[in-house]
Amino acid sequence: MKRILLTVCLTGLAACASMSGTGTPSGAKPGTVVDVAAKDGRFNTLVTAINAAGLTEALSTEGPFTVFAPTDDAFAALPEGTVESLLKPEGKEKLTTILKHHVVTGKVTAEDIAGLSEAATMAGTTLGINTDDGSVMVGGAKVVVADVMGTNGVIHVVEKVILPTDME
């Protein structure tokens, strides 16, 4: 029953994504997960961070990848000066770790998440997955839009930046 409820919830989030214009029109190629994020408008800080960390090329390969993508508002909620500090050359290593903590190798759709309790990230860390009260939490961040598709994977929009436990 819990799995059915979660699947229904995530399917609803995916439907909201396509109705809100974040989906790709029928017949159009969406581009890589980086391209999709860059065109979306909610992920300017994330795309800037991906570029600063030197991950654009890696995330533009065949993949597939699953990106738990924090919005600009999620980055803005970090303590003042955090984003600016991470974008400096001396913050690149920490920034790269944080970004890789948001990426899972393989395409994990909303339907797939229903059967998981955790997922291994590109950073070598693990994201816990919790499905309480009909909402999906990944690494402590709520998934607010699921299944935004790219040619090399999928994006799930999350409400906050997910920090590895050693950086919280």
Protein backbone atom coordinates (compact mmCIF):
# COMPACT_ATOMS: atom_id res chain seq x y z
CA MET A 1 0.00 0.00 0.00
CA LYS A 2 2.80 2.41 0.92
CA ARG A 3 4.55 1.75 -2.43
CA ILE A 4 1.32 2.39 -4.37
CA LEU A 5 0.74 5.65 -2.49
CA LEU A 6 4.31 6.77 -3.15
CA THR A 7 4.06 5.91 -6.84
CA VAL A 8 0.80 7.87 -7.10
CA CYS A 9 2.39 10.83 -5.28
CA LEU A 10 5.49 10.87 -7.48
CA THR A 11 3.46 10.37 -10.64
CA GLY A 12 1.43 13.40 -9.62
CA LEU A 13 4.61 15.42 -9.15
CA ALA A 14 5.78 14.35 -12.60
CA ALA A 15 2.45 15.36 -14.10
CA CYS A 16 2.74 18.76 -12.43
CA ALA A 17 6.17 19.19 -14.01
CA SER A 18 4.81 18.61 -17.48
CA MET A 19 1.78 20.84 -16.90
CA SER A 20 3.91 23.66 -15.53
CA GLY A 21 5.99 23.87 -18.66
CA THR A 22 9.09 22.18 -17.28
CA GLY A 23 8.49 19.11 -19.41
CA THR A 24 9.57 18.83 -23.02
CA PRO A 25 7.06 19.35 -25.83
CA SER A 26 6.18 16.22 -27.74
CA GLY A 27 8.79 15.47 -30.41
CA ALA A 28 11.36 17.95 -29.07
CA LYS A 29 14.70 16.70 -27.76
CA PRO A 30 15.20 17.90 -24.19
CA GLY A 31 19.03 17.96 -24.13
CA THR A 32 21.28 16.65 -21.38
CA VAL A 33 20.42 17.11 -17.71
CA VAL A 34 22.73 20.15 -17.72
CA ASP A 35 20.98 21.58 -20.80
CA VAL A 36 17.56 21.01 -19.24
CA ALA A 37 18.64 22.70 -16.00
CA ALA A 38 20.15 25.64 -17.91
CA LYS A 39 16.95 26.19 -19.93
CA ASP A 40 14.58 25.76 -16.97
CA GLY A 41 15.14 29.08 -15.20
CA ARG A 42 14.94 27.72 -11.64
CA PHE A 43 18.51 26.40 -11.58
CA ASN A 44 20.78 29.35 -12.46
CA THR A 45 22.88 28.92 -9.32
CA LEU A 46 23.13 25.16 -9.82
CA VAL A 47 24.29 25.57 -13.43
CA THR A 48 26.82 28.23 -12.38
CA ALA A 49 28.09 25.86 -9.67
CA ILE A 50 28.31 22.92 -12.09
CA ASN A 51 30.40 25.08 -14.43
CA ALA A 52 32.62 26.37 -11.59
CA ALA A 53 33.22 22.81 -10.36
CA GLY A 54 34.19 21.66 -13.85
CA LEU A 55 31.37 19.09 -13.95
CA THR A 56 29.56 20.32 -17.08
CA GLU A 57 31.37 17.95 -19.42
CA ALA A 58 31.01 14.94 -17.09
CA LEU A 59 27.26 15.53 -16.66
CA SER A 60 26.84 16.01 -20.41
CA THR A 61 28.10 12.53 -21.27
CA GLU A 62 25.82 9.62 -22.09
CA GLY A 63 25.21 8.83 -18.41
CA PRO A 64 22.58 8.12 -17.41
CA PHE A 65 22.38 10.33 -14.33
CA THR A 66 19.79 11.20 -11.74
CA VAL A 67 20.18 14.73 -10.42
CA PHE A 68 18.45 15.90 -7.26
CA ALA A 69 18.50 19.55 -8.30
CA PRO A 70 18.22 22.35 -5.74
CA THR A 71 16.53 25.50 -7.02
CA ASP A 72 17.95 29.00 -6.83
CA ASP A 73 15.79 29.54 -3.73
CA ALA A 74 17.38 26.47 -2.12
CA PHE A 75 20.87 27.90 -2.66
CA ALA A 76 19.71 31.31 -1.41
CA ALA A 77 18.59 29.66 1.86
CA LEU A 78 22.18 28.65 2.69
CA PRO A 79 23.96 30.88 5.21
CA GLU A 80 24.99 34.24 3.78
CA GLY A 81 28.24 34.08 1.80
CA THR A 82 28.20 30.28 1.42
CA VAL A 83 27.51 30.18 -2.32
CA GLU A 84 30.02 32.94 -3.03
CA SER A 85 32.66 31.11 -1.01
CA LEU A 86 32.02 27.81 -2.79
CA LEU A 87 32.28 29.47 -6.21
CA LYS A 88 35.78 30.79 -5.48
CA PRO A 89 38.72 28.69 -6.76
CA GLU A 90 39.64 27.71 -3.20
CA GLY A 91 36.09 26.36 -2.68
CA LYS A 92 36.11 24.17 -5.80
CA GLU A 93 36.87 20.87 -4.04
CA LYS A 94 34.10 21.34 -1.47
CA LEU A 95 31.70 22.55 -4.18
CA THR A 96 32.46 19.51 -6.34
CA THR A 97 31.77 17.17 -3.41
CA ILE A 98 28.46 18.89 -2.63
CA LEU A 99 27.33 18.76 -6.26
CA LYS A 100 28.34 15.11 -6.70
CA HIS A 101 26.34 14.39 -3.53
CA HIS A 102 23.24 15.41 -5.56
CA VAL A 103 23.96 13.00 -8.45
CA VAL A 104 23.25 9.28 -8.66
CA THR A 105 24.71 7.25 -11.50
CA GLY A 106 21.85 5.63 -13.40
CA LYS A 107 18.37 6.81 -14.29
CA VAL A 108 16.16 6.65 -11.19
CA THR A 109 12.61 7.71 -12.00
CA ALA A 110 9.83 8.46 -9.53
CA GLU A 111 8.55 4.92 -9.98
CA ASP A 112 12.02 3.53 -9.18
CA ILE A 113 12.40 5.67 -6.04
CA ALA A 114 9.33 3.99 -4.56
CA GLY A 115 11.35 0.81 -4.05
CA LEU A 116 14.48 2.40 -2.59
CA SER A 117 15.56 3.30 0.92
CA GLU A 118 18.88 4.85 -0.15
CA ALA A 119 20.96 5.69 -3.20
CA ALA A 120 24.73 5.89 -3.72
CA THR A 121 25.98 9.20 -5.09
CA MET A 122 28.85 10.18 -7.39
CA ALA A 123 30.56 11.64 -4.30
CA GLY A 124 30.78 8.18 -2.74
CA THR A 125 28.16 9.13 -0.18
CA THR A 126 24.68 7.74 0.40
CA LEU A 127 21.38 9.59 0.24
CA GLY A 128 18.65 8.24 2.48
CA ILE A 129 15.21 8.01 0.88
CA ASN A 130 12.12 8.36 3.04
CA THR A 131 8.49 8.27 1.94
CA ASP A 132 6.48 9.50 4.92
CA ASP A 133 3.06 11.15 4.65
CA GLY A 134 2.90 10.85 0.85
CA SER A 135 5.96 13.04 0.28
CA VAL A 136 9.38 11.88 -0.83
CA MET A 137 12.46 12.99 1.06
CA VAL A 138 15.91 12.41 -0.40
CA GLY A 139 18.83 13.18 1.88
CA GLY A 140 16.48 15.26 4.02
CA ALA A 141 15.27 17.38 1.08
CA LYS A 142 11.70 17.18 -0.18
CA VAL A 143 11.22 16.27 -3.84
CA VAL A 144 8.86 18.96 -5.16
CA VAL A 145 8.88 18.00 -8.86
CA ALA A 146 9.83 14.57 -10.17
CA ASP A 147 10.86 13.15 -13.55
CA VAL A 148 12.07 16.16 -15.51
CA MET A 149 13.66 14.17 -18.34
CA GLY A 150 16.90 14.82 -20.19
CA THR A 151 18.54 12.79 -22.94
CA ASN A 152 21.07 11.41 -20.48
CA GLY A 153 19.00 11.09 -17.33
CA VAL A 154 16.40 12.61 -15.08
CA ILE A 155 16.13 15.59 -12.74
CA HIS A 156 14.11 15.62 -9.52
CA VAL A 157 13.68 19.14 -8.13
CA VAL A 158 14.44 19.40 -4.40
CA GLU A 159 13.61 22.18 -1.99
CA LYS A 160 17.04 22.50 -0.38
CA VAL A 161 20.74 21.89 -0.93
CA ILE A 162 21.64 18.44 0.36
CA LEU A 163 24.92 18.60 2.26
CA PRO A 164 26.99 15.49 2.98
CA THR A 165 26.85 14.67 6.69
CA ASP A 166 30.48 15.69 7.22
CA MET A 167 29.69 19.19 5.87
CA GLU A 168 26.44 19.94 7.72
